Amino acid sequence: MSPYFLLGINIILGVAGQFLMKSGVNRVGGLEELGLVKFLTTAFLSPLVFFGLALYGVSAVLWVILLSKFDLSVAYPALSIGYVLVLLISVLFLGEQVSMIRFAGTLLIMAGIVFLFRS
């Protein structure tokens, strides 16, 4: 299997984990209203948060494999593709508002990714 394909899977697992954890936490309620212990207990018992963390675990195992195939100076910055995907998912599925400054920052990240793989 191509190491670039595995890197893409790793990025998707990380993004999916973030989305699931955020969706689960949104359903739990606020930290201020629940208190720290109840918030964390409820969050970690949420199936969405639990599954998001599980995806992160699979991602960590895959990351170890990827480190044997890529230079760290390439592999780690490539994970920033996830920032772009998280921004898109946040807007499309979580209804978050993105300012022009955030959008411009994301464009800069995308340009950096292009430079990373051209060198």
N, C-alpha and C. Protein backbone atom coordinates (compact mmCIF):
# COMPACT_ATOMS: atom_id res chain seq x y z
N MET A 1 0.84 -1.18 0.00
CA MET A 1 0.00 0.00 0.00
C MET A 1 0.89 1.25 0.00
N SER A 2 0.51 2.23 -0.76
CA SER A 2 1.29 3.46 -0.88
C SER A 2 1.38 4.19 0.45
N PRO A 3 2.58 4.67 0.81
CA PRO A 3 2.70 5.44 2.05
C PRO A 3 1.88 6.74 2.00
N TYR A 4 1.69 7.30 0.82
CA TYR A 4 0.88 8.52 0.71
C TYR A 4 -0.59 8.21 0.97
N PHE A 5 -1.03 7.05 0.54
CA PHE A 5 -2.40 6.62 0.83
C PHE A 5 -2.59 6.45 2.34
N LEU A 6 -1.60 5.81 2.98
CA LEU A 6 -1.66 5.63 4.43
C LEU A 6 -1.64 6.97 5.16
N LEU A 7 -0.86 7.92 4.66
CA LEU A 7 -0.82 9.25 5.25
C LEU A 7 -2.19 9.92 5.13
N GLY A 8 -2.83 9.76 3.98
CA GLY A 8 -4.18 10.30 3.79
C GLY A 8 -5.18 9.67 4.76
N ILE A 9 -5.09 8.37 4.94
CA ILE A 9 -5.97 7.68 5.89
C ILE A 9 -5.74 8.20 7.29
N ASN A 10 -4.47 8.39 7.65
CA ASN A 10 -4.12 8.91 8.97
C ASN A 10 -4.75 10.29 9.19
N ILE A 11 -4.67 11.14 8.20
CA ILE A 11 -5.23 12.49 8.30
C ILE A 11 -6.75 12.41 8.44
N ILE A 12 -7.38 11.57 7.65
CA ILE A 12 -8.84 11.43 7.72
C ILE A 12 -9.28 10.90 9.08
N LEU A 13 -8.54 9.93 9.63
CA LEU A 13 -8.87 9.41 10.95
C LEU A 13 -8.79 10.51 12.01
N GLY A 14 -7.75 11.35 11.93
CA GLY A 14 -7.61 12.45 12.88
C GLY A 14 -8.74 13.46 12.77
N VAL A 15 -9.10 13.81 11.55
CA VAL A 15 -10.18 14.78 11.32
C VAL A 15 -11.52 14.20 11.79
N ALA A 16 -11.78 12.94 11.45
CA ALA A 16 -13.02 12.29 11.88
C ALA A 16 -13.09 12.22 13.40
N GLY A 17 -11.95 11.91 14.03
CA GLY A 17 -11.91 11.88 15.49
C GLY A 17 -12.25 13.23 16.10
N GLN A 18 -11.68 14.29 15.55
CA GLN A 18 -11.98 15.65 16.03
C GLN A 18 -13.46 15.97 15.88
N PHE A 19 -14.01 15.65 14.71
CA PHE A 19 -15.43 15.94 14.44
C PHE A 19 -16.33 15.19 15.41
N LEU A 20 -16.05 13.91 15.62
CA LEU A 20 -16.88 13.12 16.53
C LEU A 20 -16.78 13.61 17.96
N MET A 21 -15.56 13.94 18.39
CA MET A 21 -15.41 14.45 19.76
C MET A 21 -16.14 15.77 19.94
N LYS A 22 -16.03 16.68 18.97
CA LYS A 22 -16.72 17.96 19.06
C LYS A 22 -18.23 17.77 19.04
N SER A 23 -18.72 16.89 18.19
CA SER A 23 -20.16 16.63 18.13
C SER A 23 -20.65 16.05 19.46
N GLY A 24 -19.87 15.14 20.04
CA GLY A 24 -20.24 14.56 21.32
C GLY A 24 -20.24 15.57 22.44
N VAL A 25 -19.22 16.40 22.50
CA VAL A 25 -19.12 17.42 23.54
C VAL A 25 -20.25 18.45 23.39
N ASN A 26 -20.63 18.77 22.16
CA ASN A 26 -21.74 19.71 21.95
C ASN A 26 -23.03 19.19 22.56
N ARG A 27 -23.21 17.88 22.60
CA ARG A 27 -24.43 17.27 23.15
C ARG A 27 -24.39 17.11 24.66
N VAL A 28 -23.21 17.16 25.23
CA VAL A 28 -23.04 16.94 26.67
C VAL A 28 -23.55 18.11 27.49
N GLY A 29 -23.27 19.30 27.05
CA GLY A 29 -23.59 20.49 27.83
C GLY A 29 -22.30 21.21 28.18
N GLY A 30 -22.44 22.38 28.74
CA GLY A 30 -21.28 23.22 29.00
C GLY A 30 -20.54 22.86 30.27
N LEU A 31 -19.26 23.09 30.25
CA LEU A 31 -18.40 22.87 31.39
C LEU A 31 -18.85 23.72 32.58
N GLU A 32 -19.20 24.97 32.31
CA GLU A 32 -19.59 25.89 33.38
C GLU A 32 -20.86 25.43 34.09
N GLU A 33 -21.81 24.90 33.33
CA GLU A 33 -23.08 24.50 33.94
C GLU A 33 -23.01 23.13 34.63
N LEU A 34 -22.15 22.24 34.16
CA LEU A 34 -22.06 20.89 34.72
C LEU A 34 -20.99 20.75 35.79
N GLY A 35 -19.95 21.55 35.71
CA GLY A 35 -18.80 21.37 36.59
C GLY A 35 -17.83 20.40 35.92
N LEU A 36 -16.59 20.47 36.32
CA LEU A 36 -15.52 19.73 35.64
C LEU A 36 -15.72 18.22 35.69
N VAL A 37 -15.97 17.67 36.87
CA VAL A 37 -16.06 16.22 37.01
C VAL A 37 -17.24 15.66 36.24
N LYS A 38 -18.40 16.27 36.37
CA LYS A 38 -19.59 15.77 35.66
C LYS A 38 -19.42 15.95 34.15
N PHE A 39 -18.84 17.08 33.74
CA PHE A 39 -18.62 17.32 32.32
C PHE A 39 -17.72 16.23 31.73
N LEU A 40 -16.58 15.99 32.38
CA LEU A 40 -15.63 14.99 31.86
C LEU A 40 -16.23 13.58 31.89
N THR A 41 -16.93 13.25 32.96
CA THR A 41 -17.56 11.93 33.05
C THR A 41 -18.58 11.75 31.95
N THR A 42 -19.44 12.73 31.77
CA THR A 42 -20.47 12.65 30.74
C THR A 42 -19.85 12.62 29.35
N ALA A 43 -18.84 13.45 29.14
CA ALA A 43 -18.17 13.49 27.82
C ALA A 43 -17.54 12.15 27.48
N PHE A 44 -16.80 11.58 28.43
CA PHE A 44 -16.10 10.33 28.14
C PHE A 44 -17.04 9.14 28.03
N LEU A 45 -18.26 9.27 28.54
CA LEU A 45 -19.25 8.21 28.38
C LEU A 45 -20.08 8.39 27.11
N SER A 46 -19.91 9.52 26.45
CA SER A 46 -20.62 9.78 25.20
C SER A 46 -20.07 8.85 24.11
N PRO A 47 -20.94 8.14 23.40
CA PRO A 47 -20.46 7.27 22.32
C PRO A 47 -19.68 8.03 21.24
N LEU A 48 -20.10 9.25 20.94
CA LEU A 48 -19.39 10.03 19.92
C LEU A 48 -17.97 10.36 20.37
N VAL A 49 -17.83 10.81 21.61
CA VAL A 49 -16.50 11.14 22.13
C VAL A 49 -15.66 9.87 22.21
N PHE A 50 -16.24 8.79 22.70
CA PHE A 50 -15.51 7.52 22.82
C PHE A 50 -15.03 7.04 21.45
N PHE A 51 -15.90 7.07 20.45
CA PHE A 51 -15.52 6.62 19.12
C PHE A 51 -14.47 7.56 18.51
N GLY A 52 -14.60 8.86 18.76
CA GLY A 52 -13.60 9.81 18.29
C GLY A 52 -12.23 9.51 18.87
N LEU A 53 -12.19 9.20 20.16
CA LEU A 53 -10.93 8.84 20.80
C LEU A 53 -10.38 7.52 20.24
N ALA A 54 -11.28 6.59 19.93
CA ALA A 54 -10.85 5.32 19.33
C ALA A 54 -10.20 5.55 17.97
N LEU A 55 -10.78 6.45 17.18
CA LEU A 55 -10.17 6.77 15.88
C LEU A 55 -8.79 7.38 16.08
N TYR A 56 -8.64 8.19 17.11
CA TYR A 56 -7.33 8.75 17.43
C TYR A 56 -6.33 7.65 17.78
N GLY A 57 -6.79 6.63 18.48
CA GLY A 57 -5.92 5.51 18.83
C GLY A 57 -5.44 4.77 17.59
N VAL A 58 -6.36 4.51 16.67
CA VAL A 58 -5.98 3.85 15.41
C VAL A 58 -5.02 4.75 14.64
N SER A 59 -5.29 6.04 14.66
CA SER A 59 -4.42 7.00 13.99
C SER A 59 -3.01 6.97 14.57
N ALA A 60 -2.90 6.84 15.88
CA ALA A 60 -1.58 6.81 16.53
C ALA A 60 -0.79 5.56 16.11
N VAL A 61 -1.47 4.43 16.00
CA VAL A 61 -0.81 3.20 15.55
C VAL A 61 -0.33 3.37 14.11
N LEU A 62 -1.19 3.92 13.27
CA LEU A 62 -0.82 4.15 11.87
C LEU A 62 0.33 5.15 11.77
N TRP A 63 0.35 6.14 12.66
CA TRP A 63 1.41 7.14 12.67
C TRP A 63 2.78 6.50 12.88
N VAL A 64 2.84 5.53 13.78
CA VAL A 64 4.11 4.83 14.02
C VAL A 64 4.59 4.15 12.74
N ILE A 65 3.67 3.55 12.01
CA ILE A 65 4.02 2.92 10.74
C ILE A 65 4.52 3.97 9.75
N LEU A 66 3.82 5.09 9.69
CA LEU A 66 4.19 6.15 8.75
C LEU A 66 5.57 6.73 9.05
N LEU A 67 5.93 6.79 10.33
CA LEU A 67 7.25 7.33 10.68
C LEU A 67 8.37 6.46 10.14
N SER A 68 8.07 5.20 9.84
CA SER A 68 9.10 4.35 9.24
C SER A 68 9.21 4.54 7.73
N LYS A 69 8.25 5.26 7.15
CA LYS A 69 8.21 5.42 5.70
C LYS A 69 8.54 6.84 5.22
N PHE A 70 8.41 7.82 6.10
CA PHE A 70 8.63 9.22 5.74
C PHE A 70 9.64 9.85 6.67
N ASP A 71 10.32 10.89 6.18
CA ASP A 71 11.08 11.75 7.07
C ASP A 71 10.07 12.50 7.94
N LEU A 72 10.41 12.70 9.20
CA LEU A 72 9.53 13.43 10.10
C LEU A 72 9.28 14.85 9.60
N SER A 73 10.30 15.42 8.95
CA SER A 73 10.18 16.80 8.44
C SER A 73 9.16 16.91 7.31
N VAL A 74 8.74 15.80 6.73
CA VAL A 74 7.70 15.79 5.71
C VAL A 74 6.38 15.31 6.31
N ALA A 75 6.44 14.22 7.06
CA ALA A 75 5.22 13.61 7.58
C ALA A 75 4.45 14.54 8.52
N TYR A 76 5.15 15.13 9.47
CA TYR A 76 4.44 15.94 10.47
C TYR A 76 3.79 17.18 9.87
N PRO A 77 4.50 17.97 9.06
CA PRO A 77 3.82 19.11 8.44
C PRO A 77 2.66 18.70 7.53
N ALA A 78 2.73 17.51 6.93
CA ALA A 78 1.64 17.06 6.06
C ALA A 78 0.34 16.90 6.83
N LEU A 79 0.44 16.67 8.14
CA LEU A 79 -0.77 16.55 8.96
C LEU A 79 -1.59 17.84 8.96
N SER A 80 -0.97 18.95 8.57
CA SER A 80 -1.69 20.22 8.55
C SER A 80 -2.80 20.24 7.51
N ILE A 81 -2.82 19.26 6.61
CA ILE A 81 -3.97 19.12 5.71
C ILE A 81 -5.24 18.95 6.55
N GLY A 82 -5.07 18.33 7.70
CA GLY A 82 -6.20 18.15 8.61
C GLY A 82 -6.80 19.46 9.07
N TYR A 83 -5.98 20.51 9.22
CA TYR A 83 -6.50 21.81 9.62
C TYR A 83 -7.50 22.33 8.59
N VAL A 84 -7.16 22.14 7.34
CA VAL A 84 -8.03 22.59 6.26
C VAL A 84 -9.34 21.80 6.27
N LEU A 85 -9.22 20.50 6.42
CA LEU A 85 -10.43 19.66 6.45
C LEU A 85 -11.30 19.96 7.66
N VAL A 86 -10.68 20.21 8.80
CA VAL A 86 -11.45 20.55 10.01
C VAL A 86 -12.20 21.86 9.79
N LEU A 87 -11.56 22.84 9.17
CA LEU A 87 -12.24 24.10 8.90
C LEU A 87 -13.46 23.87 8.02
N LEU A 88 -13.32 23.08 6.97
CA LEU A 88 -14.44 22.80 6.08
C LEU A 88 -15.57 22.07 6.80
N ILE A 89 -15.23 21.07 7.58
CA ILE A 89 -16.24 20.31 8.32
C ILE A 89 -16.92 21.19 9.36
N SER A 90 -16.14 22.06 10.00
CA SER A 90 -16.72 22.96 11.00
C SER A 90 -17.78 23.87 10.40
N VAL A 91 -17.51 24.35 9.20
CA VAL A 91 -18.47 25.23 8.53
C VAL A 91 -19.67 24.43 8.02
N LEU A 92 -19.39 23.33 7.33
CA LEU A 92 -20.45 22.57 6.67
C LEU A 92 -21.35 21.79 7.62
N PHE A 93 -20.77 21.19 8.67
CA PHE A 93 -21.54 20.28 9.50
C PHE A 93 -21.80 20.79 10.91
N LEU A 94 -20.98 21.71 11.40
CA LEU A 94 -21.17 22.22 12.75
C LEU A 94 -21.74 23.63 12.75
N GLY A 95 -21.87 24.22 11.58
CA GLY A 95 -22.46 25.56 11.47
C GLY A 95 -21.59 26.66 12.05
N GLU A 96 -20.29 26.44 12.14
CA GLU A 96 -19.40 27.47 12.68
C GLU A 96 -19.16 28.56 11.65
N GLN A 97 -18.95 29.77 12.14
CA GLN A 97 -18.66 30.91 11.28
C GLN A 97 -17.15 31.03 11.13
N VAL A 98 -16.69 31.29 9.91
CA VAL A 98 -15.25 31.43 9.65
C VAL A 98 -15.01 32.82 9.10
N SER A 99 -14.18 33.58 9.79
CA SER A 99 -13.85 34.93 9.35
C SER A 99 -12.91 34.87 8.16
N MET A 100 -12.76 35.99 7.50
CA MET A 100 -11.84 36.07 6.36
C MET A 100 -10.40 35.84 6.81
N ILE A 101 -10.06 36.26 8.01
CA ILE A 101 -8.70 36.05 8.53
C ILE A 101 -8.43 34.55 8.69
N ARG A 102 -9.39 33.81 9.25
CA ARG A 102 -9.22 32.36 9.38
C ARG A 102 -9.13 31.69 8.02
N PHE A 103 -9.97 32.14 7.11
CA PHE A 103 -9.95 31.58 5.76
C PHE A 103 -8.61 31.85 5.09
N ALA A 104 -8.09 33.07 5.24
CA ALA A 104 -6.79 33.42 4.67
C ALA A 104 -5.69 32.57 5.29
N GLY A 105 -5.76 32.35 6.59
CA GLY A 105 -4.77 31.51 7.26
C GLY A 105 -4.81 30.08 6.72
N THR A 106 -6.00 29.60 6.45
CA THR A 106 -6.14 28.25 5.90
C THR A 106 -5.56 28.19 4.49
N LEU A 107 -5.74 29.24 3.70
CA LEU A 107 -5.13 29.29 2.37
C LEU A 107 -3.61 29.25 2.47
N LEU A 108 -3.05 29.93 3.47
CA LEU A 108 -1.60 29.90 3.66
C LEU A 108 -1.12 28.49 4.03
N ILE A 109 -1.89 27.81 4.85
CA ILE A 109 -1.55 26.43 5.20
C ILE A 109 -1.55 25.56 3.94
N MET A 110 -2.58 25.73 3.11
CA MET A 110 -2.66 24.95 1.87
C MET A 110 -1.46 25.23 0.97
N ALA A 111 -1.04 26.49 0.88
CA ALA A 111 0.14 26.83 0.08
C ALA A 111 1.38 26.16 0.66
N GLY A 112 1.49 26.12 1.97
CA GLY A 112 2.62 25.46 2.61
C GLY A 112 2.65 23.97 2.29
N ILE A 113 1.49 23.34 2.23
CA ILE A 113 1.43 21.93 1.90
C ILE A 113 1.92 21.69 0.48
N VAL A 114 1.53 22.57 -0.44
CA VAL A 114 1.98 22.45 -1.82
C VAL A 114 3.51 22.54 -1.87
N PHE A 115 4.08 23.53 -1.16
CA PHE A 115 5.53 23.68 -1.15
C PHE A 115 6.21 22.47 -0.52
N LEU A 116 5.61 21.93 0.50
CA LEU A 116 6.17 20.78 1.21
C LEU A 116 6.38 19.59 0.27
N PHE A 117 5.39 19.31 -0.56
CA PHE A 117 5.47 18.13 -1.41
C PHE A 117 6.15 18.41 -2.75
N ARG A 118 6.50 19.64 -3.02
CA ARG A 118 7.24 19.95 -4.26
C ARG A 118 8.74 19.91 -4.04
N SER A 119 9.15 19.90 -2.81
CA SER A 119 10.61 19.93 -2.55
C SER A 119 11.21 18.54 -2.47
